[in-house]
Amino acid sequence: MLLEQHIGELRRQMNHCDPDERRQIAAELELALSELAVIMAEQDGSIDAVPPS
């Protein structure tokens, strides 16, 4: 599953769950969005994918 699809699925799940599940899904969504931001920054050259040596 593509990361963007996973993010969309998490957003849909948040609309149909109880408060405890919502907190867990929100945490997963935050991680997925952060991962996507890193990937996009690596692709546009904003950050270097290789750690400094």
Protein backbone atom coordinates (compact mmCIF):
# COMPACT_ATOMS: atom_id res chain seq x y z
CA MET A 1 0.00 0.00 0.00
CA LEU A 2 1.31 3.41 -0.88
CA LEU A 3 1.91 5.82 1.97
CA GLU A 4 -0.64 8.26 0.57
CA GLN A 5 -3.26 5.49 0.47
CA HIS A 6 -2.43 4.54 4.05
CA ILE A 7 -2.88 8.16 5.15
CA GLY A 8 -6.25 8.32 3.38
CA GLU A 9 -7.38 5.08 5.02
CA LEU A 10 -6.36 6.35 8.47
CA ARG A 11 -8.33 9.56 7.89
CA ARG A 12 -11.41 7.56 6.90
CA GLN A 13 -11.05 5.30 9.95
CA MET A 14 -10.92 8.31 12.28
CA ASN A 15 -14.48 9.21 11.22
CA HIS A 16 -15.87 5.84 12.34
CA CYS A 17 -14.31 4.89 15.67
CA ASP A 18 -14.57 5.40 19.40
CA PRO A 19 -12.38 7.95 21.26
CA ASP A 20 -9.73 5.41 22.31
CA GLU A 21 -9.32 4.13 18.77
CA ARG A 22 -9.31 7.70 17.50
CA ARG A 23 -6.27 8.56 19.64
CA GLN A 24 -4.39 5.52 18.37
CA ILE A 25 -5.30 6.26 14.75
CA ALA A 26 -4.33 9.92 15.21
CA ALA A 27 -0.88 8.82 16.43
CA GLU A 28 -0.48 6.48 13.44
CA LEU A 29 -1.61 9.27 11.12
CA GLU A 30 0.91 11.69 12.61
CA LEU A 31 3.72 9.17 12.04
CA ALA A 32 2.64 8.52 8.46
CA LEU A 33 2.41 12.24 7.69
CA SER A 34 5.88 12.77 9.18
CA GLU A 35 7.28 9.94 7.09
CA LEU A 36 5.70 11.43 3.97
CA ALA A 37 7.19 14.85 4.78
CA VAL A 38 10.67 13.32 5.08
CA ILE A 39 10.29 11.45 1.79
CA MET A 40 9.14 14.60 0.00
CA ALA A 41 12.00 16.65 1.49
CA GLU A 42 14.51 14.03 0.35
CA GLN A 43 13.06 14.08 -3.16
CA ASP A 44 13.14 17.86 -3.55
CA GLY A 45 16.62 18.12 -2.02
CA SER A 46 15.59 19.97 1.13
CA ILE A 47 17.35 17.35 3.24
CA ASP A 48 20.07 14.82 2.55
CA ALA A 49 19.01 11.18 2.84
CA VAL A 50 22.52 10.11 3.84
CA PRO A 51 23.57 10.91 7.41
CA PRO A 52 26.78 12.91 7.78
CA SER A 53 29.92 10.84 8.29
